[in-house]
Amino acid sequence: EIYLMAWYRQSPGKLRDWVASFSSDDFPTYTDSVKGRFTIDRDNGKN
């Protein structure tokens, strides 16, 4: 059972930051810096 699938990113000298996620209820969330530019989506199997 998948609870969460998410994208993170890491630049040199910085910590790994959360970017976007897609929870098991199909609700997507985004960090403010990518809202309006990035879109997360999934296939029907949620894998």
ModelCIF file with pLDDT and N, C-alpha, C, O atoms, coordinates in Angstrom:
data_MODEL
#
_entry.id   MODEL 
#
_entity.id                         1 
_entity.type                       polymer 
_entity.pdbx_number_of_molecules   1 
#
_entity_poly.entity_id                      1 
_entity_poly.type                           'polypeptide(L)' 
_entity_poly.nstd_linkage                   no 
_entity_poly.nstd_monomer                   no 
_entity_poly.pdbx_seq_one_letter_code       EIYLMAWYRQSPGKLRDWVASFSSDDFPTYTDSVKGRFTIDRDNGKN 
_entity_poly.pdbx_seq_one_letter_code_can   EIYLMAWYRQSPGKLRDWVASFSSDDFPTYTDSVKGRFTIDRDNGKN 
_entity_poly.pdbx_strand_id                 A 
#
loop_
_entity_poly_seq.entity_id 
_entity_poly_seq.num 
_entity_poly_seq.mon_id 
_entity_poly_seq.hetero 
1 1  GLU n 
1 2  ILE n 
1 3  TYR n 
1 4  LEU n 
1 5  MET n 
1 6  ALA n 
1 7  TRP n 
1 8  TYR n 
1 9  ARG n 
1 10 GLN n 
1 11 SER n 
1 12 PRO n 
1 13 GLY n 
1 14 LYS n 
1 15 LEU n 
1 16 ARG n 
1 17 ASP n 
1 18 TRP n 
1 19 VAL n 
1 20 ALA n 
1 21 SER n 
1 22 PHE n 
1 23 SER n 
1 24 SER n 
1 25 ASP n 
1 26 ASP n 
1 27 PHE n 
1 28 PRO n 
1 29 THR n 
1 30 TYR n 
1 31 THR n 
1 32 ASP n 
1 33 SER n 
1 34 VAL n 
1 35 LYS n 
1 36 GLY n 
1 37 ARG n 
1 38 PHE n 
1 39 THR n 
1 40 ILE n 
1 41 ASP n 
1 42 ARG n 
1 43 ASP n 
1 44 ASN n 
1 45 GLY n 
1 46 LYS n 
1 47 ASN n 
#
_struct_asym.id          A 
_struct_asym.entity_id   1 
#
loop_
_ma_qa_metric.id 
_ma_qa_metric.mode 
_ma_qa_metric.name 
_ma_qa_metric.software_group_id 
_ma_qa_metric.type 
1 global pLDDT . pLDDT 
2 local  pLDDT . pLDDT 
#
_ma_qa_metric_global.metric_id      1 
_ma_qa_metric_global.metric_value   92.26 
_ma_qa_metric_global.model_id       1 
_ma_qa_metric_global.ordinal_id     1 
#
loop_
_ma_qa_metric_local.label_asym_id 
_ma_qa_metric_local.label_comp_id 
_ma_qa_metric_local.label_seq_id 
_ma_qa_metric_local.metric_id 
_ma_qa_metric_local.metric_value 
_ma_qa_metric_local.model_id 
_ma_qa_metric_local.ordinal_id 
A GLU 1  2 92.00 1 1  
A ILE 2  2 91.00 1 2  
A TYR 3  2 92.00 1 3  
A LEU 4  2 93.00 1 4  
A MET 5  2 94.00 1 5  
A ALA 6  2 97.00 1 6  
A TRP 7  2 98.00 1 7  
A TYR 8  2 98.00 1 8  
A ARG 9  2 98.00 1 9  
A GLN 10 2 98.00 1 10 
A SER 11 2 96.00 1 11 
A PRO 12 2 90.00 1 12 
A GLY 13 2 91.00 1 13 
A LYS 14 2 95.00 1 14 
A LEU 15 2 96.00 1 15 
A ARG 16 2 97.00 1 16 
A ASP 17 2 97.00 1 17 
A TRP 18 2 98.00 1 18 
A VAL 19 2 98.00 1 19 
A ALA 20 2 98.00 1 20 
A SER 21 2 96.00 1 21 
A PHE 22 2 89.00 1 22 
A SER 23 2 82.00 1 23 
A SER 24 2 74.00 1 24 
A ASP 25 2 78.00 1 25 
A ASP 26 2 81.00 1 26 
A PHE 27 2 89.00 1 27 
A PRO 28 2 94.00 1 28 
A THR 29 2 96.00 1 29 
A TYR 30 2 97.00 1 30 
A THR 31 2 97.00 1 31 
A ASP 32 2 98.00 1 32 
A SER 33 2 97.00 1 33 
A VAL 34 2 98.00 1 34 
A LYS 35 2 97.00 1 35 
A GLY 36 2 97.00 1 36 
A ARG 37 2 98.00 1 37 
A PHE 38 2 98.00 1 38 
A THR 39 2 97.00 1 39 
A ILE 40 2 96.00 1 40 
A ASP 41 2 94.00 1 41 
A ARG 42 2 90.00 1 42 
A ASP 43 2 87.00 1 43 
A ASN 44 2 70.00 1 44 
A GLY 45 2 75.00 1 45 
A LYS 46 2 73.00 1 46 
A ASN 47 2 91.00 1 47 
#
loop_
_atom_site.group_PDB 
_atom_site.id 
_atom_site.type_symbol 
_atom_site.label_atom_id 
_atom_site.label_alt_id 
_atom_site.label_comp_id 
_atom_site.label_asym_id 
_atom_site.label_entity_id 
_atom_site.label_seq_id 
_atom_site.pdbx_PDB_ins_code 
_atom_site.Cartn_x 
_atom_site.Cartn_y 
_atom_site.Cartn_z 
_atom_site.occupancy 
_atom_site.B_iso_or_equiv 
_atom_site.pdbx_formal_charge 
_atom_site.auth_seq_id 
_atom_site.auth_comp_id 
_atom_site.auth_asym_id 
_atom_site.auth_atom_id 
_atom_site.pdbx_PDB_model_num 
ATOM 1   N N  . GLU A 1 1  ? 0.854  -1.184 0.000   1.00 92.00 ? 1  GLU A N  1 
ATOM 2   C CA . GLU A 1 1  ? 0.000  0.000  0.000   1.00 92.00 ? 1  GLU A CA 1 
ATOM 3   C C  . GLU A 1 1  ? 0.890  1.235  0.000   1.00 92.00 ? 1  GLU A C  1 
ATOM 4   O O  . GLU A 1 1  ? 1.702  1.422  0.906   1.00 92.00 ? 1  GLU A O  1 
ATOM 5   N N  . ILE A 1 2  ? 0.738  2.069  -1.010  1.00 91.00 ? 2  ILE A N  1 
ATOM 6   C CA . ILE A 1 2  ? 1.535  3.285  -1.124  1.00 91.00 ? 2  ILE A CA 1 
ATOM 7   C C  . ILE A 1 2  ? 0.823  4.421  -0.419  1.00 91.00 ? 2  ILE A C  1 
ATOM 8   O O  . ILE A 1 2  ? -0.326 4.740  -0.723  1.00 91.00 ? 2  ILE A O  1 
ATOM 9   N N  . TYR A 1 3  ? 1.520  5.022  0.522   1.00 92.00 ? 3  TYR A N  1 
ATOM 10  C CA . TYR A 1 3  ? 0.978  6.157  1.252   1.00 92.00 ? 3  TYR A CA 1 
ATOM 11  C C  . TYR A 1 3  ? 1.271  7.482  0.552   1.00 92.00 ? 3  TYR A C  1 
ATOM 12  O O  . TYR A 1 3  ? 0.458  8.405  0.582   1.00 92.00 ? 3  TYR A O  1 
ATOM 13  N N  . LEU A 1 4  ? 2.445  7.563  -0.078  1.00 93.00 ? 4  LEU A N  1 
ATOM 14  C CA . LEU A 1 4  ? 2.891  8.823  -0.636  1.00 93.00 ? 4  LEU A CA 1 
ATOM 15  C C  . LEU A 1 4  ? 3.934  8.573  -1.715  1.00 93.00 ? 4  LEU A C  1 
ATOM 16  O O  . LEU A 1 4  ? 4.828  7.743  -1.548  1.00 93.00 ? 4  LEU A O  1 
ATOM 17  N N  . MET A 1 5  ? 3.816  9.293  -2.815  1.00 94.00 ? 5  MET A N  1 
ATOM 18  C CA . MET A 1 5  ? 4.882  9.378  -3.792  1.00 94.00 ? 5  MET A CA 1 
ATOM 19  C C  . MET A 1 5  ? 5.200  10.856 -3.980  1.00 94.00 ? 5  MET A C  1 
ATOM 20  O O  . MET A 1 5  ? 4.298  11.683 -4.117  1.00 94.00 ? 5  MET A O  1 
ATOM 21  N N  . ALA A 1 6  ? 6.473  11.174 -3.986  1.00 97.00 ? 6  ALA A N  1 
ATOM 22  C CA . ALA A 1 6  ? 6.860  12.576 -3.950  1.00 97.00 ? 6  ALA A CA 1 
ATOM 23  C C  . ALA A 1 6  ? 8.136  12.813 -4.725  1.00 97.00 ? 6  ALA A C  1 
ATOM 24  O O  . ALA A 1 6  ? 8.938  11.903 -4.938  1.00 97.00 ? 6  ALA A O  1 
ATOM 25  N N  . TRP A 1 7  ? 8.308  14.056 -5.141  1.00 98.00 ? 7  TRP A N  1 
ATOM 26  C CA . TRP A 1 7  ? 9.530  14.529 -5.772  1.00 98.00 ? 7  TRP A CA 1 
ATOM 27  C C  . TRP A 1 7  ? 10.270 15.449 -4.817  1.00 98.00 ? 7  TRP A C  1 
ATOM 28  O O  . TRP A 1 7  ? 9.674  16.331 -4.199  1.00 98.00 ? 7  TRP A O  1 
ATOM 29  N N  . TYR A 1 8  ? 11.562 15.237 -4.703  1.00 98.00 ? 8  TYR A N  1 
ATOM 30  C CA . TYR A 1 8  ? 12.466 16.095 -3.962  1.00 98.00 ? 8  TYR A CA 1 
ATOM 31  C C  . TYR A 1 8  ? 13.581 16.537 -4.893  1.00 98.00 ? 8  TYR A C  1 
ATOM 32  O O  . TYR A 1 8  ? 13.782 15.958 -5.960  1.00 98.00 ? 8  TYR A O  1 
ATOM 33  N N  . ARG A 1 9  ? 14.301 17.565 -4.479  1.00 98.00 ? 9  ARG A N  1 
ATOM 34  C CA . ARG A 1 9  ? 15.457 17.977 -5.258  1.00 98.00 ? 9  ARG A CA 1 
ATOM 35  C C  . ARG A 1 9  ? 16.560 18.455 -4.327  1.00 98.00 ? 9  ARG A C  1 
ATOM 36  O O  . ARG A 1 9  ? 16.308 18.900 -3.207  1.00 98.00 ? 9  ARG A O  1 
ATOM 37  N N  . GLN A 1 10 ? 17.784 18.352 -4.818  1.00 98.00 ? 10 GLN A N  1 
ATOM 38  C CA . GLN A 1 10 ? 18.939 18.735 -4.025  1.00 98.00 ? 10 GLN A CA 1 
ATOM 39  C C  . GLN A 1 10 ? 19.980 19.394 -4.921  1.00 98.00 ? 10 GLN A C  1 
ATOM 40  O O  . GLN A 1 10 ? 20.410 18.826 -5.925  1.00 98.00 ? 10 GLN A O  1 
ATOM 41  N N  . SER A 1 11 ? 20.373 20.602 -4.538  1.00 96.00 ? 11 SER A N  1 
ATOM 42  C CA . SER A 1 11 ? 21.422 21.334 -5.220  1.00 96.00 ? 11 SER A CA 1 
ATOM 43  C C  . SER A 1 11 ? 22.714 21.216 -4.416  1.00 96.00 ? 11 SER A C  1 
ATOM 44  O O  . SER A 1 11 ? 22.668 20.955 -3.214  1.00 96.00 ? 11 SER A O  1 
ATOM 45  N N  . PRO A 1 12 ? 23.862 21.404 -5.058  1.00 90.00 ? 12 PRO A N  1 
ATOM 46  C CA . PRO A 1 12 ? 25.127 21.324 -4.325  1.00 90.00 ? 12 PRO A CA 1 
ATOM 47  C C  . PRO A 1 12 ? 25.165 22.272 -3.135  1.00 90.00 ? 12 PRO A C  1 
ATOM 48  O O  . PRO A 1 12 ? 24.822 23.448 -3.258  1.00 90.00 ? 12 PRO A O  1 
ATOM 49  N N  . GLY A 1 13 ? 25.579 21.761 -1.996  1.00 91.00 ? 13 GLY A N  1 
ATOM 50  C CA . GLY A 1 13 ? 25.687 22.560 -0.791  1.00 91.00 ? 13 GLY A CA 1 
ATOM 51  C C  . GLY A 1 13 ? 24.389 22.806 -0.064  1.00 91.00 ? 13 GLY A C  1 
ATOM 52  O O  . GLY A 1 13 ? 24.369 23.537 0.926   1.00 91.00 ? 13 GLY A O  1 
ATOM 53  N N  . LYS A 1 14 ? 23.295 22.210 -0.531  1.00 95.00 ? 14 LYS A N  1 
ATOM 54  C CA . LYS A 1 14 ? 22.006 22.414 0.105   1.00 95.00 ? 14 LYS A CA 1 
ATOM 55  C C  . LYS A 1 14 ? 21.392 21.081 0.513   1.00 95.00 ? 14 LYS A C  1 
ATOM 56  O O  . LYS A 1 14 ? 21.780 20.017 0.030   1.00 95.00 ? 14 LYS A O  1 
ATOM 57  N N  . LEU A 1 15 ? 20.423 21.173 1.416   1.00 96.00 ? 15 LEU A N  1 
ATOM 58  C CA . LEU A 1 15 ? 19.690 19.997 1.838   1.00 96.00 ? 15 LEU A CA 1 
ATOM 59  C C  . LEU A 1 15 ? 18.710 19.564 0.761   1.00 96.00 ? 15 LEU A C  1 
ATOM 60  O O  . LEU A 1 15 ? 18.353 20.339 -0.126  1.00 96.00 ? 15 LEU A O  1 
ATOM 61  N N  . ARG A 1 16 ? 18.289 18.331 0.854   1.00 97.00 ? 16 ARG A N  1 
ATOM 62  C CA . ARG A 1 16 ? 17.287 17.827 -0.065  1.00 97.00 ? 16 ARG A CA 1 
ATOM 63  C C  . ARG A 1 16 ? 15.920 18.403 0.308   1.00 97.00 ? 16 ARG A C  1 
ATOM 64  O O  . ARG A 1 16 ? 15.453 18.224 1.433   1.00 97.00 ? 16 ARG A O  1 
ATOM 65  N N  . ASP A 1 17 ? 15.293 19.083 -0.625  1.00 97.00 ? 17 ASP A N  1 
ATOM 66  C CA . ASP A 1 17 ? 14.033 19.777 -0.383  1.00 97.00 ? 17 ASP A CA 1 
ATOM 67  C C  . ASP A 1 17 ? 12.877 19.070 -1.074  1.00 97.00 ? 17 ASP A C  1 
ATOM 68  O O  . ASP A 1 17 ? 13.023 18.525 -2.168  1.00 97.00 ? 17 ASP A O  1 
ATOM 69  N N  . TRP A 1 18 ? 11.742 19.090 -0.420  1.00 98.00 ? 18 TRP A N  1 
ATOM 70  C CA . TRP A 1 18 ? 10.516 18.575 -1.006  1.00 98.00 ? 18 TRP A CA 1 
ATOM 71  C C  . TRP A 1 18 ? 10.006 19.512 -2.095  1.00 98.00 ? 18 TRP A C  1 
ATOM 72  O O  . TRP A 1 18 ? 10.044 20.732 -1.934  1.00 98.00 ? 18 TRP A O  1 
ATOM 73  N N  . VAL A 1 19 ? 9.534  18.952 -3.193  1.00 98.00 ? 19 VAL A N  1 
ATOM 74  C CA . VAL A 1 19 ? 9.042  19.728 -4.317  1.00 98.00 ? 19 VAL A CA 1 
ATOM 75  C C  . VAL A 1 19 ? 7.540  19.545 -4.503  1.00 98.00 ? 19 VAL A C  1 
ATOM 76  O O  . VAL A 1 19 ? 6.790  20.520 -4.540  1.00 98.00 ? 19 VAL A O  1 
ATOM 77  N N  . ALA A 1 20 ? 7.106  18.301 -4.618  1.00 98.00 ? 20 ALA A N  1 
ATOM 78  C CA . ALA A 1 20 ? 5.702  18.007 -4.873  1.00 98.00 ? 20 ALA A CA 1 
ATOM 79  C C  . ALA A 1 20 ? 5.410  16.589 -4.428  1.00 98.00 ? 20 ALA A C  1 
ATOM 80  O O  . ALA A 1 20 ? 6.307  15.747 -4.378  1.00 98.00 ? 20 ALA A O  1 
ATOM 81  N N  . SER A 1 21 ? 4.163  16.328 -4.109  1.00 96.00 ? 21 SER A N  1 
ATOM 82  C CA . SER A 1 21 ? 3.794  14.988 -3.672  1.00 96.00 ? 21 SER A CA 1 
ATOM 83  C C  . SER A 1 21 ? 2.380  14.644 -4.103  1.00 96.00 ? 21 SER A C  1 
ATOM 84  O O  . SER A 1 21 ? 1.551  15.516 -4.362  1.00 96.00 ? 21 SER A O  1 
ATOM 85  N N  . PHE A 1 22 ? 2.138  13.359 -4.169  1.00 89.00 ? 22 PHE A N  1 
ATOM 86  C CA . PHE A 1 22 ? 0.855  12.807 -4.575  1.00 89.00 ? 22 PHE A CA 1 
ATOM 87  C C  . PHE A 1 22 ? 0.525  11.713 -3.575  1.00 89.00 ? 22 PHE A C  1 
ATOM 88  O O  . PHE A 1 22 ? 1.135  10.644 -3.589  1.00 89.00 ? 22 PHE A O  1 
ATOM 89  N N  . SER A 1 23 ? -0.429 11.979 -2.720  1.00 82.00 ? 23 SER A N  1 
ATOM 90  C CA . SER A 1 23 ? -0.779 11.035 -1.674  1.00 82.00 ? 23 SER A CA 1 
ATOM 91  C C  . SER A 1 23 ? -1.741 9.980  -2.193  1.00 82.00 ? 23 SER A C  1 
ATOM 92  O O  . SER A 1 23 ? -2.203 10.046 -3.332  1.00 82.00 ? 23 SER A O  1 
ATOM 93  N N  . SER A 1 24 ? -2.038 9.004  -1.339  1.00 74.00 ? 24 SER A N  1 
ATOM 94  C CA . SER A 1 24 ? -2.909 7.903  -1.737  1.00 74.00 ? 24 SER A CA 1 
ATOM 95  C C  . SER A 1 24 ? -4.340 8.338  -2.004  1.00 74.00 ? 24 SER A C  1 
ATOM 96  O O  . SER A 1 24 ? -5.091 7.608  -2.651  1.00 74.00 ? 24 SER A O  1 
ATOM 97  N N  . ASP A 1 25 ? -4.731 9.504  -1.524  1.00 78.00 ? 25 ASP A N  1 
ATOM 98  C CA . ASP A 1 25 ? -6.060 10.037 -1.817  1.00 78.00 ? 25 ASP A CA 1 
ATOM 99  C C  . ASP A 1 25 ? -6.080 10.874 -3.096  1.00 78.00 ? 25 ASP A C  1 
ATOM 100 O O  . ASP A 1 25 ? -7.073 11.541 -3.388  1.00 78.00 ? 25 ASP A O  1 
ATOM 101 N N  . ASP A 1 26 ? -4.989 10.840 -3.856  1.00 81.00 ? 26 ASP A N  1 
ATOM 102 C CA . ASP A 1 26 ? -4.858 11.509 -5.151  1.00 81.00 ? 26 ASP A CA 1 
ATOM 103 C C  . ASP A 1 26 ? -4.834 13.026 -5.050  1.00 81.00 ? 26 ASP A C  1 
ATOM 104 O O  . ASP A 1 26 ? -5.145 13.717 -6.021  1.00 81.00 ? 26 ASP A O  1 
ATOM 105 N N  . PHE A 1 27 ? -4.473 13.543 -3.900  1.00 89.00 ? 27 PHE A N  1 
ATOM 106 C CA . PHE A 1 27 ? -4.428 14.983 -3.715  1.00 89.00 ? 27 PHE A CA 1 
ATOM 107 C C  . PHE A 1 27 ? -2.997 15.471 -3.883  1.00 89.00 ? 27 PHE A C  1 
ATOM 108 O O  . PHE A 1 27 ? -2.126 15.096 -3.097  1.00 89.00 ? 27 PHE A O  1 
ATOM 109 N N  . PRO A 1 28 ? -2.733 16.300 -4.894  1.00 94.00 ? 28 PRO A N  1 
ATOM 110 C CA . PRO A 1 28 ? -1.369 16.790 -5.115  1.00 94.00 ? 28 PRO A CA 1 
ATOM 111 C C  . PRO A 1 28 ? -1.080 18.055 -4.322  1.00 94.00 ? 28 PRO A C  1 
ATOM 112 O O  . PRO A 1 28 ? -1.955 18.902 -4.142  1.00 94.00 ? 28 PRO A O  1 
ATOM 113 N N  . THR A 1 29 ? 0.139  18.174 -3.857  1.00 96.00 ? 29 THR A N  1 
ATOM 114 C CA . THR A 1 29 ? 0.588  19.374 -3.174  1.00 96.00 ? 29 THR A CA 1 
ATOM 115 C C  . THR A 1 29 ? 1.948  19.779 -3.719  1.00 96.00 ? 29 THR A C  1 
ATOM 116 O O  . THR A 1 29 ? 2.695  18.952 -4.242  1.00 96.00 ? 29 THR A O  1 
ATOM 117 N N  . TYR A 1 30 ? 2.259  21.078 -3.589  1.00 97.00 ? 30 TYR A N  1 
ATOM 118 C CA . TYR A 1 30 ? 3.467  21.636 -4.162  1.00 97.00 ? 30 TYR A CA 1 
ATOM 119 C C  . TYR A 1 30 ? 4.117  22.625 -3.214  1.00 97.00 ? 30 TYR A C  1 
ATOM 120 O O  . TYR A 1 30 ? 3.442  23.273 -2.414  1.00 97.00 ? 30 TYR A O  1 
ATOM 121 N N  . THR A 1 31 ? 5.419  22.732 -3.309  1.00 97.00 ? 31 THR A N  1 
ATOM 122 C CA . THR A 1 31 ? 6.103  23.812 -2.636  1.00 97.00 ? 31 THR A CA 1 
ATOM 123 C C  . THR A 1 31 ? 5.818  25.108 -3.387  1.00 97.00 ? 31 THR A C  1 
ATOM 124 O O  . THR A 1 31 ? 5.594  25.095 -4.597  1.00 97.00 ? 31 THR A O  1 
ATOM 125 N N  . ASP A 1 32 ? 5.827  26.222 -2.666  1.00 98.00 ? 32 ASP A N  1 
ATOM 126 C CA . ASP A 1 32 ? 5.395  27.486 -3.248  1.00 98.00 ? 32 ASP A CA 1 
ATOM 127 C C  . ASP A 1 32 ? 6.205  27.888 -4.480  1.00 98.00 ? 32 ASP A C  1 
ATOM 128 O O  . ASP A 1 32 ? 5.652  28.474 -5.410  1.00 98.00 ? 32 ASP A O  1 
ATOM 129 N N  . SER A 1 33 ? 7.477  27.591 -4.504  1.00 97.00 ? 33 SER A N  1 
ATOM 130 C CA . SER A 1 33 ? 8.338  28.059 -5.575  1.00 97.00 ? 33 SER A CA 1 
ATOM 131 C C  . SER A 1 33 ? 8.040  27.424 -6.931  1.00 97.00 ? 33 SER A C  1 
ATOM 132 O O  . SER A 1 33 ? 8.501  27.925 -7.956  1.00 97.00 ? 33 SER A O  1 
ATOM 133 N N  . VAL A 1 34 ? 7.282  26.334 -6.956  1.00 98.00 ? 34 VAL A N  1 
ATOM 134 C CA . VAL A 1 34 ? 6.980  25.670 -8.225  1.00 98.00 ? 34 VAL A CA 1 
ATOM 135 C C  . VAL A 1 34 ? 5.508  25.721 -8.584  1.00 98.00 ? 34 VAL A C  1 
ATOM 136 O O  . VAL A 1 34 ? 5.122  25.249 -9.653  1.00 98.00 ? 34 VAL A O  1 
ATOM 137 N N  . LYS A 1 35 ? 4.677  26.281 -7.721  1.00 97.00 ? 35 LYS A N  1 
ATOM 138 C CA . LYS A 1 35 ? 3.251  26.363 -8.013  1.00 97.00 ? 35 LYS A CA 1 
ATOM 139 C C  . LYS A 1 35 ? 3.005  27.166 -9.286  1.00 97.00 ? 35 LYS A C  1 
ATOM 140 O O  . LYS A 1 35 ? 3.573  28.240 -9.484  1.00 97.00 ? 35 LYS A O  1 
ATOM 141 N N  . GLY A 1 36 ? 2.154  26.626 -10.134 1.00 97.00 ? 36 GLY A N  1 
ATOM 142 C CA . GLY A 1 36 ? 1.869  27.266 -11.405 1.00 97.00 ? 36 GLY A CA 1 
ATOM 143 C C  . GLY A 1 36 ? 2.823  26.900 -12.513 1.00 97.00 ? 36 GLY A C  1 
ATOM 144 O O  . GLY A 1 36 ? 2.569  27.213 -13.676 1.00 97.00 ? 36 GLY A O  1 
ATOM 145 N N  . ARG A 1 37 ? 3.924  26.238 -12.177 1.00 98.00 ? 37 ARG A N  1 
ATOM 146 C CA . ARG A 1 37 ? 4.904  25.843 -13.178 1.00 98.00 ? 37 ARG A CA 1 
ATOM 147 C C  . ARG A 1 37 ? 5.046  24.324 -13.279 1.00 98.00 ? 37 ARG A C  1 
ATOM 148 O O  . ARG A 1 37 ? 5.218  23.789 -14.374 1.00 98.00 ? 37 ARG A O  1 
ATOM 149 N N  . PHE A 1 38 ? 4.975  23.631 -12.147 1.00 98.00 ? 38 PHE A N  1 
ATOM 150 C CA . PHE A 1 38 ? 5.150  22.185 -12.107 1.00 98.00 ? 38 PHE A CA 1 
ATOM 151 C C  . PHE A 1 38 ? 3.808  21.506 -11.855 1.00 98.00 ? 38 PHE A C  1 
ATOM 152 O O  . PHE A 1 38 ? 2.940  22.050 -11.171 1.00 98.00 ? 38 PHE A O  1 
ATOM 153 N N  . THR A 1 39 ? 3.655  20.325 -12.411 1.00 97.00 ? 39 THR A N  1 
ATOM 154 C CA . THR A 1 39 ? 2.467  19.517 -12.187 1.00 97.00 ? 39 THR A CA 1 
ATOM 155 C C  . THR A 1 39 ? 2.880  18.079 -11.944 1.00 97.00 ? 39 THR A C  1 
ATOM 156 O O  . THR A 1 39 ? 3.635  17.501 -12.725 1.00 97.00 ? 39 THR A O  1 
ATOM 157 N N  . ILE A 1 40 ? 2.382  17.503 -10.857 1.00 96.00 ? 40 ILE A N  1 
ATOM 158 C CA . ILE A 1 40 ? 2.634  16.102 -10.559 1.00 96.00 ? 40 ILE A CA 1 
ATOM 159 C C  . ILE A 1 40 ? 1.395  15.297 -10.936 1.00 96.00 ? 40 ILE A C  1 
ATOM 160 O O  . ILE A 1 40 ? 0.271  15.730 -10.683 1.00 96.00 ? 40 ILE A O  1 
ATOM 161 N N  . ASP A 1 41 ? 1.594  14.143 -11.534 1.00 94.00 ? 41 ASP A N  1 
ATOM 162 C CA . ASP A 1 41 ? 0.485  13.261 -11.842 1.00 94.00 ? 41 ASP A CA 1 
ATOM 163 C C  . ASP A 1 41 ? 0.957  11.815 -11.777 1.00 94.00 ? 41 ASP A C  1 
ATOM 164 O O  . ASP A 1 41 ? 2.149  11.554 -11.609 1.00 94.00 ? 41 ASP A O  1 
ATOM 165 N N  . ARG A 1 42 ? 0.028  10.880 -11.908 1.00 90.00 ? 42 ARG A N  1 
ATOM 166 C CA . ARG A 1 42 ? 0.345  9.462  -11.764 1.00 90.00 ? 42 ARG A CA 1 
ATOM 167 C C  . ARG A 1 42 ? -0.407 8.628  -12.781 1.00 90.00 ? 42 ARG A C  1 
ATOM 168 O O  . ARG A 1 42 ? -1.327 9.109  -13.442 1.00 90.00 ? 42 ARG A O  1 
ATOM 169 N N  . ASP A 1 43 ? -0.004 7.368  -12.897 1.00 87.00 ? 43 ASP A N  1 
ATOM 170 C CA . ASP A 1 43 ? -0.762 6.447  -13.724 1.00 87.00 ? 43 ASP A CA 1 
ATOM 171 C C  . ASP A 1 43 ? -1.870 5.808  -12.887 1.00 87.00 ? 43 ASP A C  1 
ATOM 172 O O  . ASP A 1 43 ? -1.958 6.030  -11.680 1.00 87.00 ? 43 ASP A O  1 
ATOM 173 N N  . ASN A 1 44 ? -2.702 5.023  -13.540 1.00 70.00 ? 44 ASN A N  1 
ATOM 174 C CA . ASN A 1 44 ? -3.848 4.442  -12.846 1.00 70.00 ? 44 ASN A CA 1 
ATOM 175 C C  . ASN A 1 44 ? -3.450 3.442  -11.772 1.00 70.00 ? 44 ASN A C  1 
ATOM 176 O O  . ASN A 1 44 ? -4.184 3.249  -10.802 1.00 70.00 ? 44 ASN A O  1 
ATOM 177 N N  . GLY A 1 45 ? -2.313 2.813  -11.933 1.00 75.00 ? 45 GLY A N  1 
ATOM 178 C CA . GLY A 1 45 ? -1.862 1.844  -10.956 1.00 75.00 ? 45 GLY A CA 1 
ATOM 179 C C  . GLY A 1 45 ? -1.160 2.442  -9.755  1.00 75.00 ? 45 GLY A C  1 
ATOM 180 O O  . GLY A 1 45 ? -0.834 1.729  -8.805  1.00 75.00 ? 45 GLY A O  1 
ATOM 181 N N  . LYS A 1 46 ? -0.924 3.733  -9.785  1.00 73.00 ? 46 LYS A N  1 
ATOM 182 C CA . LYS A 1 46 ? -0.298 4.475  -8.686  1.00 73.00 ? 46 LYS A CA 1 
ATOM 183 C C  . LYS A 1 46 ? 1.109  4.004  -8.367  1.00 73.00 ? 46 LYS A C  1 
ATOM 184 O O  . LYS A 1 46 ? 1.592  4.206  -7.253  1.00 73.00 ? 46 LYS A O  1 
ATOM 185 N N  . ASN A 1 47 ? 1.765  3.385  -9.320  1.00 91.00 ? 47 ASN A N  1 
ATOM 186 C CA . ASN A 1 47 ? 3.159  2.996  -9.122  1.00 91.00 ? 47 ASN A CA 1 
ATOM 187 C C  . ASN A 1 47 ? 4.119  3.782  -10.011 1.00 91.00 ? 47 ASN A C  1 
ATOM 188 O O  . ASN A 1 47 ? 5.329  3.564  -9.957  1.00 91.00 ? 47 ASN A O  1 
#
